[in-house]
Amino acid sequence: MRIIVNGRNIEITDAIKAYTKEKIGKVLNHYDQIQTLEVVLSVIKNPSVSESHTAEVICKMTSGSIKLEETAESMYASIDLLADKLLRQVEKHKSKYIKAAKNASIRTDAPEEKEDK
């Protein structure tokens, strides 16, 4: 499993990289089918923009992919919001995938026959 952290208009320091890998990496404890997490951190350098720090993630799994984006006033806040959102989406995807896999089983219970009286 790989976590790739890139930056746009920002220099990725070791502290930001470690924080991102720690927060986003918690998703791996909930779903083991994740292959790659690509995180892009960007900053808009316009003083009139209040929420200028953006964090994006592309989560590639064996059964699909999830792309999310969060914006906040600080980079750490946007990473926190993104990690929470990603966790919810991965759990939702996992439950749908498991439910579909159970319904696609060859062995299913025979439907109950109704008796007319």
PDB file of N, CA and C in Angstrom:
ATOM      1  N   MET A   1       0.848  -1.170   0.000  1.00  0.00           N
ATOM      2  CA  MET A   1       0.000   0.000   0.000  1.00  0.00           C
ATOM      3  C   MET A   1       0.894   1.233   0.000  1.00  0.00           C
ATOM      4  N   ARG A   2       0.594   2.157  -0.895  1.00  0.00           N
ATOM      5  CA  ARG A   2       1.412   3.354  -1.020  1.00  0.00           C
ATOM      6  C   ARG A   2       0.588   4.596  -0.722  1.00  0.00           C
ATOM      7  N   ILE A   3       1.216   5.540  -0.044  1.00  0.00           N
ATOM      8  CA  ILE A   3       0.631   6.859   0.172  1.00  0.00           C
ATOM      9  C   ILE A   3       1.578   7.856  -0.483  1.00  0.00           C
ATOM     10  N   ILE A   4       1.080   8.559  -1.502  1.00  0.00           N
ATOM     11  CA  ILE A   4       1.879   9.522  -2.240  1.00  0.00           C
ATOM     12  C   ILE A   4       1.384  10.918  -1.878  1.00  0.00           C
ATOM     13  N   VAL A   5       2.277  11.797  -1.432  1.00  0.00           N
ATOM     14  CA  VAL A   5       1.923  13.161  -1.056  1.00  0.00           C
ATOM     15  C   VAL A   5       2.650  14.124  -1.981  1.00  0.00           C
ATOM     16  N   ASN A   6       1.879  14.939  -2.710  1.00  0.00           N
ATOM     17  CA  ASN A   6       2.431  15.941  -3.620  1.00  0.00           C
ATOM     18  C   ASN A   6       1.912  17.316  -3.229  1.00  0.00           C
ATOM     19  N   GLY A   7       2.572  18.350  -3.710  1.00  0.00           N
ATOM     20  CA  GLY A   7       2.157  19.708  -3.393  1.00  0.00           C
ATOM     21  C   GLY A   7       2.093  20.597  -4.613  1.00  0.00           C
ATOM     22  N   ARG A   8       1.138  21.520  -4.608  1.00  0.00           N
ATOM     23  CA  ARG A   8       1.014  22.549  -5.639  1.00  0.00           C
ATOM     24  C   ARG A   8       1.103  23.898  -4.944  1.00  0.00           C
ATOM     25  N   ASN A   9       2.034  24.723  -5.353  1.00  0.00           N
ATOM     26  CA  ASN A   9       2.265  26.040  -4.761  1.00  0.00           C
ATOM     27  C   ASN A   9       2.635  25.959  -3.289  1.00  0.00           C
ATOM     28  N   ILE A  10       3.168  24.850  -2.868  1.00  0.00           N
ATOM     29  CA  ILE A  10       3.566  24.676  -1.481  1.00  0.00           C
ATOM     30  C   ILE A  10       4.729  23.693  -1.435  1.00  0.00           C
ATOM     31  N   GLU A  11       5.641  23.956  -0.543  1.00  0.00           N
ATOM     32  CA  GLU A  11       6.738  23.019  -0.322  1.00  0.00           C
ATOM     33  C   GLU A  11       6.291  22.035   0.758  1.00  0.00           C
ATOM     34  N   ILE A  12       6.342  20.770   0.433  1.00  0.00           N
ATOM     35  CA  ILE A  12       5.911  19.743   1.371  1.00  0.00           C
ATOM     36  C   ILE A  12       7.043  19.484   2.358  1.00  0.00           C
ATOM     37  N   THR A  13       6.843  19.880   3.596  1.00  0.00           N
ATOM     38  CA  THR A  13       7.846  19.637   4.628  1.00  0.00           C
ATOM     39  C   THR A  13       7.674  18.230   5.192  1.00  0.00           C
ATOM     40  N   ASP A  14       8.658  17.791   5.924  1.00  0.00           N
ATOM     41  CA  ASP A  14       8.579  16.464   6.536  1.00  0.00           C
ATOM     42  C   ASP A  14       7.433  16.388   7.537  1.00  0.00           C
ATOM     43  N   ALA A  15       7.176  17.490   8.247  1.00  0.00           N
ATOM     44  CA  ALA A  15       6.103  17.506   9.244  1.00  0.00           C
ATOM     45  C   ALA A  15       4.736  17.349   8.589  1.00  0.00           C
ATOM     46  N   ILE A  16       4.506  18.072   7.497  1.00  0.00           N
ATOM     47  CA  ILE A  16       3.221  17.965   6.792  1.00  0.00           C
ATOM     48  C   ILE A  16       3.068  16.583   6.177  1.00  0.00           C
ATOM     49  N   LYS A  17       4.138  16.059   5.623  1.00  0.00           N
ATOM     50  CA  LYS A  17       4.101  14.729   5.003  1.00  0.00           C
ATOM     51  C   LYS A  17       3.790  13.654   6.050  1.00  0.00           C
ATOM     52  N   ALA A  18       4.451  13.731   7.199  1.00  0.00           N
ATOM     53  CA  ALA A  18       4.211  12.746   8.261  1.00  0.00           C
ATOM     54  C   ALA A  18       2.792  12.870   8.800  1.00  0.00           C
ATOM     55  N   TYR A  19       2.309  14.101   8.975  1.00  0.00           N
ATOM     56  CA  TYR A  19       0.955  14.320   9.481  1.00  0.00           C
ATOM     57  C   TYR A  19      -0.080  13.770   8.500  1.00  0.00           C
ATOM     58  N   THR A  20       0.146  14.021   7.216  1.00  0.00           N
ATOM     59  CA  THR A  20      -0.774  13.525   6.187  1.00  0.00           C
ATOM     60  C   THR A  20      -0.800  12.003   6.161  1.00  0.00           C
ATOM     61  N   LYS A  21       0.371  11.384   6.191  1.00  0.00           N
ATOM     62  CA  LYS A  21       0.426   9.917   6.169  1.00  0.00           C
ATOM     63  C   LYS A  21      -0.205   9.319   7.410  1.00  0.00           C
ATOM     64  N   GLU A  22      -0.062   9.978   8.552  1.00  0.00           N
ATOM     65  CA  GLU A  22      -0.665   9.477   9.786  1.00  0.00           C
ATOM     66  C   GLU A  22      -2.190   9.548   9.726  1.00  0.00           C
ATOM     67  N   LYS A  23      -2.723  10.707   9.315  1.00  0.00           N
ATOM     68  CA  LYS A  23      -4.175  10.901   9.294  1.00  0.00           C
ATOM     69  C   LYS A  23      -4.844  10.079   8.194  1.00  0.00           C
ATOM     70  N   ILE A  24      -4.318  10.157   6.983  1.00  0.00           N
ATOM     71  CA  ILE A  24      -4.927   9.452   5.856  1.00  0.00           C
ATOM     72  C   ILE A  24      -4.679   7.953   5.970  1.00  0.00           C
ATOM     73  N   GLY A  25      -3.565   7.550   6.566  1.00  0.00           N
ATOM     74  CA  GLY A  25      -3.226   6.139   6.714  1.00  0.00           C
ATOM     75  C   GLY A  25      -4.147   5.370   7.639  1.00  0.00           C
ATOM     76  N   LYS A  26      -4.906   6.076   8.491  1.00  0.00           N
ATOM     77  CA  LYS A  26      -5.841   5.404   9.391  1.00  0.00           C
ATOM     78  C   LYS A  26      -6.953   4.681   8.640  1.00  0.00           C
ATOM     79  N   VAL A  27      -7.175   5.074   7.401  1.00  0.00           N
ATOM     80  CA  VAL A  27      -8.209   4.436   6.576  1.00  0.00           C
ATOM     81  C   VAL A  27      -7.847   2.981   6.311  1.00  0.00           C
ATOM     82  N   LEU A  28      -6.559   2.686   6.271  1.00  0.00           N
ATOM     83  CA  LEU A  28      -6.103   1.326   5.977  1.00  0.00           C
ATOM     84  C   LEU A  28      -6.531   0.329   7.043  1.00  0.00           C
ATOM     85  N   ASN A  29      -6.796   0.797   8.255  1.00  0.00           N
ATOM     86  CA  ASN A  29      -7.254  -0.092   9.322  1.00  0.00           C
ATOM     87  C   ASN A  29      -8.691  -0.549   9.099  1.00  0.00           C
ATOM     88  N   HIS A  30      -9.442   0.184   8.272  1.00  0.00           N
ATOM     89  CA  HIS A  30     -10.852  -0.113   8.073  1.00  0.00           C
ATOM     90  C   HIS A  30     -11.134  -0.917   6.810  1.00  0.00           C
ATOM     91  N   TYR A  31     -10.241  -0.849   5.831  1.00  0.00           N
ATOM     92  CA  TYR A  31     -10.486  -1.559   4.574  1.00  0.00           C
ATOM     93  C   TYR A  31      -9.144  -1.978   3.988  1.00  0.00           C
ATOM     94  N   ASP A  32      -8.986  -3.263   3.742  1.00  0.00           N
ATOM     95  CA  ASP A  32      -7.689  -3.784   3.305  1.00  0.00           C
ATOM     96  C   ASP A  32      -7.540  -3.875   1.787  1.00  0.00           C
ATOM     97  N   GLN A  33      -8.543  -3.458   1.024  1.00  0.00           N
ATOM     98  CA  GLN A  33      -8.481  -3.539  -0.436  1.00  0.00           C
ATOM     99  C   GLN A  33      -7.954  -2.256  -1.083  1.00  0.00           C
ATOM    100  N   ILE A  34      -7.449  -1.326  -0.291  1.00  0.00           N
ATOM    101  CA  ILE A  34      -6.915  -0.077  -0.820  1.00  0.00           C
ATOM    102  C   ILE A  34      -5.514  -0.328  -1.357  1.00  0.00           C
ATOM    103  N   GLN A  35      -5.287   0.107  -2.601  1.00  0.00           N
ATOM    104  CA  GLN A  35      -3.990  -0.099  -3.230  1.00  0.00           C
ATOM    105  C   GLN A  35      -3.105   1.146  -3.139  1.00  0.00           C
ATOM    106  N   THR A  36      -3.668   2.312  -3.456  1.00  0.00           N
ATOM    107  CA  THR A  36      -2.884   3.545  -3.485  1.00  0.00           C
ATOM    108  C   THR A  36      -3.714   4.714  -2.980  1.00  0.00           C
ATOM    109  N   LEU A  37      -3.083   5.586  -2.218  1.00  0.00           N
ATOM    110  CA  LEU A  37      -3.680   6.849  -1.798  1.00  0.00           C
ATOM    111  C   LEU A  37      -2.793   7.972  -2.323  1.00  0.00           C
ATOM    112  N   GLU A  38      -3.328   8.784  -3.237  1.00  0.00           N
ATOM    113  CA  GLU A  38      -2.590   9.918  -3.785  1.00  0.00           C
ATOM    114  C   GLU A  38      -3.163  11.188  -3.187  1.00  0.00           C
ATOM    115  N   VAL A  39      -2.352  11.922  -2.428  1.00  0.00           N
ATOM    116  CA  VAL A  39      -2.784  13.144  -1.770  1.00  0.00           C
ATOM    117  C   VAL A  39      -2.092  14.321  -2.439  1.00  0.00           C
ATOM    118  N   VAL A  40      -2.892  15.340  -2.798  1.00  0.00           N
ATOM    119  CA  VAL A  40      -2.348  16.564  -3.386  1.00  0.00           C
ATOM    120  C   VAL A  40      -2.737  17.725  -2.479  1.00  0.00           C
ATOM    121  N   LEU A  41      -1.743  18.423  -1.959  1.00  0.00           N
ATOM    122  CA  LEU A  41      -1.955  19.576  -1.103  1.00  0.00           C
ATOM    123  C   LEU A  41      -1.641  20.829  -1.911  1.00  0.00           C
ATOM    124  N   SER A  42      -2.562  21.811  -1.889  1.00  0.00           N
ATOM    125  CA  SER A  42      -2.341  23.024  -2.666  1.00  0.00           C
ATOM    126  C   SER A  42      -2.756  24.254  -1.879  1.00  0.00           C
ATOM    127  N   VAL A  43      -2.158  25.389  -2.268  1.00  0.00           N
ATOM    128  CA  VAL A  43      -2.419  26.668  -1.616  1.00  0.00           C
ATOM    129  C   VAL A  43      -2.710  27.704  -2.687  1.00  0.00           C
ATOM    130  N   ILE A  44      -3.755  28.502  -2.465  1.00  0.00           N
ATOM    131  CA  ILE A  44      -4.048  29.643  -3.324  1.00  0.00           C
ATOM    132  C   ILE A  44      -3.418  30.858  -2.662  1.00  0.00           C
ATOM    133  N   LYS A  45      -2.503  31.494  -3.347  1.00  0.00           N
ATOM    134  CA  LYS A  45      -1.756  32.600  -2.747  1.00  0.00           C
ATOM    135  C   LYS A  45      -2.393  33.953  -3.031  1.00  0.00           C
ATOM    136  N   ASN A  46      -3.712  34.015  -2.931  1.00  0.00           N
ATOM    137  CA  ASN A  46      -4.453  35.260  -3.092  1.00  0.00           C
ATOM    138  C   ASN A  46      -4.955  35.678  -1.717  1.00  0.00           C
ATOM    139  N   PRO A  47      -4.583  36.865  -1.231  1.00  0.00           N
ATOM    140  CA  PRO A  47      -4.992  37.258   0.124  1.00  0.00           C
ATOM    141  C   PRO A  47      -6.495  37.461   0.297  1.00  0.00           C
ATOM    142  N   SER A  48      -7.239  37.619  -0.790  1.00  0.00           N
ATOM    143  CA  SER A  48      -8.681  37.828  -0.658  1.00  0.00           C
ATOM    144  C   SER A  48      -9.445  36.520  -0.467  1.00  0.00           C
ATOM    145  N   VAL A  49      -8.787  35.388  -0.644  1.00  0.00           N
ATOM    146  CA  VAL A  49      -9.419  34.085  -0.472  1.00  0.00           C
ATOM    147  C   VAL A  49      -9.220  33.643   0.978  1.00  0.00           C
ATOM    148  N   SER A  50     -10.329  33.441   1.690  1.00  0.00           N
ATOM    149  CA  SER A  50     -10.209  33.089   3.113  1.00  0.00           C
ATOM    150  C   SER A  50      -9.807  31.632   3.316  1.00  0.00           C
ATOM    151  N   GLU A  51     -10.408  30.725   2.589  1.00  0.00           N
ATOM    152  CA  GLU A  51     -10.062  29.304   2.705  1.00  0.00           C
ATOM    153  C   GLU A  51      -9.155  28.944   1.532  1.00  0.00           C
ATOM    154  N   SER A  52      -7.866  29.112   1.740  1.00  0.00           N
ATOM    155  CA  SER A  52      -6.927  28.982   0.635  1.00  0.00           C
ATOM    156  C   SER A  52      -6.166  27.660   0.601  1.00  0.00           C
ATOM    157  N   HIS A  53      -6.311  26.833   1.612  1.00  0.00           N
ATOM    158  CA  HIS A  53      -5.582  25.564   1.677  1.00  0.00           C
ATOM    159  C   HIS A  53      -6.512  24.428   1.272  1.00  0.00           C
ATOM    160  N   THR A  54      -6.100  23.672   0.269  1.00  0.00           N
ATOM    161  CA  THR A  54      -6.924  22.594  -0.270  1.00  0.00           C
ATOM    162  C   THR A  54      -6.162  21.279  -0.193  1.00  0.00           C
ATOM    163  N   ALA A  55      -6.875  20.232   0.190  1.00  0.00           N
ATOM    164  CA  ALA A  55      -6.321  18.882   0.212  1.00  0.00           C
ATOM    165  C   ALA A  55      -7.225  17.987  -0.630  1.00  0.00           C
ATOM    166  N   GLU A  56      -6.630  17.251  -1.555  1.00  0.00           N
ATOM    167  CA  GLU A  56      -7.367  16.326  -2.416  1.00  0.00           C
ATOM    168  C   GLU A  56      -6.786  14.932  -2.234  1.00  0.00           C
ATOM    169  N   VAL A  57      -7.632  13.927  -2.392  1.00  0.00           N
ATOM    170  CA  VAL A  57      -7.147  12.554  -2.313  1.00  0.00           C
ATOM    171  C   VAL A  57      -7.847  11.720  -3.380  1.00  0.00           C
ATOM    172  N   ILE A  58      -7.075  10.824  -3.982  1.00  0.00           N
ATOM    173  CA  ILE A  58      -7.622   9.807  -4.880  1.00  0.00           C
ATOM    174  C   ILE A  58      -7.273   8.469  -4.253  1.00  0.00           C
ATOM    175  N   CYS A  59      -8.294   7.742  -3.865  1.00  0.00           N
ATOM    176  CA  CYS A  59      -8.144   6.455  -3.197  1.00  0.00           C
ATOM    177  C   CYS A  59      -8.458   5.356  -4.216  1.00  0.00           C
ATOM    178  N   LYS A  60      -7.437   4.636  -4.641  1.00  0.00           N
ATOM    179  CA  LYS A  60      -7.620   3.567  -5.621  1.00  0.00           C
ATOM    180  C   LYS A  60      -7.715   2.237  -4.894  1.00  0.00           C
ATOM    181  N   MET A  61      -8.831   1.544  -5.147  1.00  0.00           N
ATOM    182  CA  MET A  61      -9.096   0.247  -4.525  1.00  0.00           C
ATOM    183  C   MET A  61      -9.255  -0.800  -5.612  1.00  0.00           C
ATOM    184  N   THR A  62      -9.330  -2.051  -5.200  1.00  0.00           N
ATOM    185  CA  THR A  62      -9.507  -3.118  -6.177  1.00  0.00           C
ATOM    186  C   THR A  62     -10.883  -3.053  -6.825  1.00  0.00           C
ATOM    187  N   SER A  63     -11.852  -2.480  -6.139  1.00  0.00           N
ATOM    188  CA  SER A  63     -13.221  -2.452  -6.647  1.00  0.00           C
ATOM    189  C   SER A  63     -13.668  -1.068  -7.105  1.00  0.00           C
ATOM    190  N   GLY A  64     -12.748  -0.129  -7.295  1.00  0.00           N
ATOM    191  CA  GLY A  64     -13.121   1.211  -7.741  1.00  0.00           C
ATOM    192  C   GLY A  64     -12.181   2.252  -7.177  1.00  0.00           C
ATOM    193  N   SER A  65     -12.611   3.509  -7.265  1.00  0.00           N
ATOM    194  CA  SER A  65     -11.795   4.577  -6.711  1.00  0.00           C
ATOM    195  C   SER A  65     -12.695   5.672  -6.154  1.00  0.00           C
ATOM    196  N   ILE A  66     -12.133   6.464  -5.249  1.00  0.00           N
ATOM    197  CA  ILE A  66     -12.849   7.555  -4.599  1.00  0.00           C
ATOM    198  C   ILE A  66     -11.975   8.796  -4.732  1.00  0.00           C
ATOM    199  N   LYS A  67     -12.574   9.912  -5.150  1.00  0.00           N
ATOM    200  CA  LYS A  67     -11.852  11.178  -5.234  1.00  0.00           C
ATOM    201  C   LYS A  67     -12.575  12.191  -4.363  1.00  0.00           C
ATOM    202  N   LEU A  68     -11.835  12.816  -3.446  1.00  0.00           N
ATOM    203  CA  LEU A  68     -12.406  13.786  -2.508  1.00  0.00           C
ATOM    204  C   LEU A  68     -11.540  15.029  -2.448  1.00  0.00           C
ATOM    205  N   GLU A  69     -12.160  16.142  -2.030  1.00  0.00           N
ATOM    206  CA  GLU A  69     -11.452  17.399  -1.892  1.00  0.00           C
ATOM    207  C   GLU A  69     -12.030  18.175  -0.716  1.00  0.00           C
ATOM    208  N   GLU A  70     -11.164  18.786   0.062  1.00  0.00           N
ATOM    209  CA  GLU A  70     -11.578  19.615   1.196  1.00  0.00           C
ATOM    210  C   GLU A  70     -10.749  20.894   1.211  1.00  0.00           C
ATOM    211  N   THR A  71     -11.398  21.988   1.624  1.00  0.00           N
ATOM    212  CA  THR A  71     -10.749  23.279   1.706  1.00  0.00           C
ATOM    213  C   THR A  71     -10.960  23.864   3.092  1.00  0.00           C
ATOM    214  N   ALA A  72      -9.904  24.493   3.645  1.00  0.00           N
ATOM    215  CA  ALA A  72      -9.991  25.099   4.967  1.00  0.00           C
ATOM    216  C   ALA A  72      -8.998  26.259   5.064  1.00  0.00           C
ATOM    217  N   GLU A  73      -8.972  26.900   6.231  1.00  0.00           N
ATOM    218  CA  GLU A  73      -8.087  28.048   6.436  1.00  0.00           C
ATOM    219  C   GLU A  73      -6.638  27.641   6.675  1.00  0.00           C
ATOM    220  N   SER A  74      -6.419  26.430   7.186  1.00  0.00           N
ATOM    221  CA  SER A  74      -5.051  25.956   7.382  1.00  0.00           C
ATOM    222  C   SER A  74      -4.908  24.569   6.746  1.00  0.00           C
ATOM    223  N   MET A  75      -3.678  24.208   6.446  1.00  0.00           N
ATOM    224  CA  MET A  75      -3.421  22.931   5.788  1.00  0.00           C
ATOM    225  C   MET A  75      -3.774  21.768   6.709  1.00  0.00           C
ATOM    226  N   TYR A  76      -3.470  21.897   7.989  1.00  0.00           N
ATOM    227  CA  TYR A  76      -3.755  20.818   8.942  1.00  0.00           C
ATOM    228  C   TYR A  76      -5.266  20.605   9.082  1.00  0.00           C
ATOM    229  N   ALA A  77      -6.032  21.692   9.072  1.00  0.00           N
ATOM    230  CA  ALA A  77      -7.489  21.571   9.160  1.00  0.00           C
ATOM    231  C   ALA A  77      -8.060  20.894   7.921  1.00  0.00           C
ATOM    232  N   SER A  78      -7.549  21.236   6.755  1.00  0.00           N
ATOM    233  CA  SER A  78      -8.049  20.605   5.533  1.00  0.00           C
ATOM    234  C   SER A  78      -7.691  19.121   5.488  1.00  0.00           C
ATOM    235  N   ILE A  79      -6.525  18.760   6.008  1.00  0.00           N
ATOM    236  CA  ILE A  79      -6.140  17.342   6.067  1.00  0.00           C
ATOM    237  C   ILE A  79      -7.048  16.588   7.030  1.00  0.00           C
ATOM    238  N   ASP A  80      -7.363  17.189   8.180  1.00  0.00           N
ATOM    239  CA  ASP A  80      -8.271  16.558   9.142  1.00  0.00           C
ATOM    240  C   ASP A  80      -9.653  16.335   8.534  1.00  0.00           C
ATOM    241  N   LEU A  81     -10.199  17.359   7.885  1.00  0.00           N
ATOM    242  CA  LEU A  81     -11.517  17.236   7.255  1.00  0.00           C
ATOM    243  C   LEU A  81     -11.507  16.178   6.164  1.00  0.00           C
ATOM    244  N   LEU A  82     -10.437  16.155   5.394  1.00  0.00           N
ATOM    245  CA  LEU A  82     -10.318  15.173   4.316  1.00  0.00           C
ATOM    246  C   LEU A  82     -10.232  13.750   4.855  1.00  0.00           C
ATOM    247  N   ALA A  83      -9.494  13.557   5.942  1.00  0.00           N
ATOM    248  CA  ALA A  83      -9.365  12.217   6.533  1.00  0.00           C
ATOM    249  C   ALA A  83     -10.709  11.716   7.045  1.00  0.00           C
ATOM    250  N   ASP A  84     -11.481  12.588   7.681  1.00  0.00           N
ATOM    251  CA  ASP A  84     -12.801  12.192   8.169  1.00  0.00           C
ATOM    252  C   ASP A  84     -13.739  11.841   7.016  1.00  0.00           C
ATOM    253  N   LYS A  85     -13.720  12.665   5.989  1.00  0.00           N
ATOM    254  CA  LYS A  85     -14.580  12.433   4.834  1.00  0.00           C
ATOM    255  C   LYS A  85     -14.196  11.143   4.109  1.00  0.00           C
ATOM    256  N   LEU A  86     -12.899  10.913   3.968  1.00  0.00           N
ATOM    257  CA  LEU A  86     -12.416   9.706   3.299  1.00  0.00           C
ATOM    258  C   LEU A  86     -12.812   8.454   4.077  1.00  0.00           C
ATOM    259  N   LEU A  87     -12.705   8.509   5.379  1.00  0.00           N
ATOM    260  CA  LEU A  87     -13.078   7.364   6.206  1.00  0.00           C
ATOM    261  C   LEU A  87     -14.556   7.014   6.022  1.00  0.00           C
ATOM    262  N   ARG A  88     -15.414   8.030   6.023  1.00  0.00           N
ATOM    263  CA  ARG A  88     -16.849   7.785   5.814  1.00  0.00           C
ATOM    264  C   ARG A  88     -17.122   7.175   4.443  1.00  0.00           C
ATOM    265  N   GLN A  89     -16.472   7.712   3.414  1.00  0.00           N
ATOM    266  CA  GLN A  89     -16.704   7.217   2.061  1.00  0.00           C
ATOM    267  C   GLN A  89     -16.177   5.793   1.869  1.00  0.00           C
ATOM    268  N   VAL A  90     -15.033   5.490   2.453  1.00  0.00           N
ATOM    269  CA  VAL A  90     -14.474   4.137   2.331  1.00  0.00           C
ATOM    270  C   VAL A  90     -15.364   3.133   3.049  1.00  0.00           C
ATOM    271  N   GLU A  91     -15.865   3.483   4.235  1.00  0.00           N
ATOM    272  CA  GLU A  91     -16.775   2.572   4.943  1.00  0.00           C
ATOM    273  C   GLU A  91     -18.068   2.369   4.157  1.00  0.00           C
ATOM    274  N   LYS A  92     -18.555   3.432   3.530  1.00  0.00           N
ATOM    275  CA  LYS A  92     -19.763   3.324   2.705  1.00  0.00           C
ATOM    276  C   LYS A  92     -19.503   2.417   1.498  1.00  0.00           C
ATOM    277  N   HIS A  93     -18.368   2.595   0.844  1.00  0.00           N
ATOM    278  CA  HIS A  93     -18.000   1.763  -0.300  1.00  0.00           C
ATOM    279  C   HIS A  93     -17.829   0.311   0.110  1.00  0.00           C
ATOM    280  N   LYS A  94     -17.205   0.106   1.252  1.00  0.00           N
ATOM    281  CA  LYS A  94     -16.965  -1.250   1.754  1.00  0.00           C
ATOM    282  C   LYS A  94     -18.286  -1.961   2.023  1.00  0.00           C
ATOM    283  N   SER A  95     -19.237  -1.276   2.661  1.00  0.00           N
ATOM    284  CA  SER A  95     -20.517  -1.914   2.973  1.00  0.00           C
ATOM    285  C   SER A  95     -21.296  -2.223   1.697  1.00  0.00           C
ATOM    286  N   LYS A  96     -21.235  -1.348   0.707  1.00  0.00           N
ATOM    287  CA  LYS A  96     -21.907  -1.618  -0.563  1.00  0.00           C
ATOM    288  C   LYS A  96     -21.262  -2.803  -1.279  1.00  0.00           C
ATOM    289  N   TYR A  97     -19.925  -2.852  -1.250  1.00  0.00           N
ATOM    290  CA  TYR A  97     -19.201  -3.918  -1.926  1.00  0.00           C
ATOM    291  C   TYR A  97     -19.476  -5.263  -1.263  1.00  0.00           C
ATOM    292  N   ILE A  98     -19.488  -5.302   0.053  1.00  0.00           N
ATOM    293  CA  ILE A  98     -19.762  -6.540   0.776  1.00  0.00           C
ATOM    294  C   ILE A  98     -21.196  -6.990   0.544  1.00  0.00           C
ATOM    295  N   LYS A  99     -22.125  -6.029   0.555  1.00  0.00           N
ATOM    296  CA  LYS A  99     -23.535  -6.355   0.327  1.00  0.00           C
ATOM    297  C   LYS A  99     -23.730  -6.923  -1.085  1.00  0.00           C
ATOM    298  N   ALA A 100     -23.074  -6.322  -2.075  1.00  0.00           N
ATOM    299  CA  ALA A 100     -23.178  -6.810  -3.456  1.00  0.00           C
ATOM    300  C   ALA A 100     -22.550  -8.186  -3.590  1.00  0.00           C
ATOM    301  N   ALA A 101     -21.451  -8.423  -2.884  1.00  0.00           N
ATOM    302  CA  ALA A 101     -20.792  -9.717  -2.952  1.00  0.00           C
ATOM    303  C   ALA A 101     -21.659 -10.812  -2.329  1.00  0.00           C
ATOM    304  N   LYS A 102     -22.370 -10.491  -1.264  1.00  0.00           N
ATOM    305  CA  LYS A 102     -23.250 -11.474  -0.635  1.00  0.00           C
ATOM    306  C   LYS A 102     -24.437 -11.792  -1.535  1.00  0.00           C
ATOM    307  N   ASN A 103     -24.957 -10.783  -2.223  1.00  0.00           N
ATOM    308  CA  ASN A 103     -26.106 -10.996  -3.108  1.00  0.00           C
ATOM    309  C   ASN A 103     -25.714 -11.728  -4.382  1.00  0.00           C
ATOM    310  N   ALA A 104     -24.459 -11.700  -4.757  1.00  0.00           N
ATOM    311  CA  ALA A 104     -24.004 -12.346  -5.980  1.00  0.00           C
ATOM    312  C   ALA A 104     -23.604 -13.795  -5.756  1.00  0.00           C
ATOM    313  N   SER A 105     -23.864 -14.320  -4.593  1.00  0.00           N
ATOM    314  CA  SER A 105     -23.479 -15.684  -4.273  1.00  0.00           C
ATOM    315  C   SER A 105     -24.275 -16.674  -5.116  1.00  0.00           C
ATOM    316  N   ILE A 106     -23.642 -17.767  -5.464  1.00  0.00           N
ATOM    317  CA  ILE A 106     -24.309 -18.813  -6.232  1.00  0.00           C
ATOM    318  C   ILE A 106     -25.305 -19.547  -5.344  1.00  0.00           C
ATOM    319  N   ARG A 107     -24.918 -19.771  -4.128  1.00  0.00           N
ATOM    320  CA  ARG A 107     -25.782 -20.491  -3.201  1.00  0.00           C
ATOM    321  C   ARG A 107     -26.661 -19.498  -2.459  1.00  0.00           C
ATOM    322  N   THR A 108     -27.904 -19.509  -2.790  1.00  0.00           N
ATOM    323  CA  THR A 108     -28.862 -18.643  -2.106  1.00  0.00           C
ATOM    324  C   THR A 108     -29.962 -19.518  -1.538  1.00  0.00           C
ATOM    325  N   ASP A 109     -30.598 -18.990  -0.543  1.00  0.00           N
ATOM    326  CA  ASP A 109     -31.720 -19.720   0.037  1.00  0.00           C
ATOM    327  C   ASP A 109     -32.885 -19.707  -0.939  1.00  0.00           C
ATOM    328  N   ALA A 110     -33.566 -20.841  -1.007  1.00  0.00           N
ATOM    329  CA  ALA A 110     -34.726 -20.927  -1.880  1.00  0.00           C
ATOM    330  C   ALA A 110     -35.850 -20.074  -1.304  1.00  0.00           C
ATOM    331  N   PRO A 111     -36.572 -19.370  -2.163  1.00  0.00           N
ATOM    332  CA  PRO A 111     -37.676 -18.543  -1.644  1.00  0.00           C
ATOM    333  C   PRO A 111     -38.754 -19.432  -1.032  1.00  0.00           C
ATOM    334  N   GLU A 112     -39.346 -18.930   0.017  1.00  0.00           N
ATOM    335  CA  GLU A 112     -40.395 -19.698   0.700  1.00  0.00           C
ATOM    336  C   GLU A 112     -41.631 -19.753  -0.188  1.00  0.00           C
ATOM    337  N   GLU A 113     -42.229 -20.957  -0.237  1.00  0.00           N
ATOM    338  CA  GLU A 113     -43.424 -21.118  -1.060  1.00  0.00           C
ATOM    339  C   GLU A 113     -44.646 -20.778  -0.226  1.00  0.00           C
ATOM    340  N   LYS A 114     -45.559 -20.061  -0.851  1.00  0.00           N
ATOM    341  CA  LYS A 114     -46.785 -19.672  -0.155  1.00  0.00           C
ATOM    342  C   LYS A 114     -47.823 -20.770  -0.332  1.00  0.00           C
ATOM    343  N   GLU A 115     -48.488 -21.057   0.738  1.00  0.00           N
ATOM    344  CA  GLU A 115     -49.542 -22.069   0.701  1.00  0.00           C
ATOM    345  C   GLU A 115     -50.886 -21.369   0.663  1.00  0.00           C
ATOM    346  N   ASP A 116     -51.726 -21.757  -0.269  1.00  0.00           N
ATOM    347  CA  ASP A 116     -53.067 -21.180  -0.366  1.00  0.00           C
ATOM    348  C   ASP A 116     -54.029 -22.010   0.457  1.00  0.00           C
ATOM    349  N   LYS A 117     -54.788 -21.359   1.284  1.00  0.00           N
ATOM    350  CA  LYS A 117     -55.769 -22.081   2.091  1.00  0.00           C
ATOM    351  C   LYS A 117     -57.145 -21.620   1.777  1.00  0.00           C
TER     352      LYS A 117
END
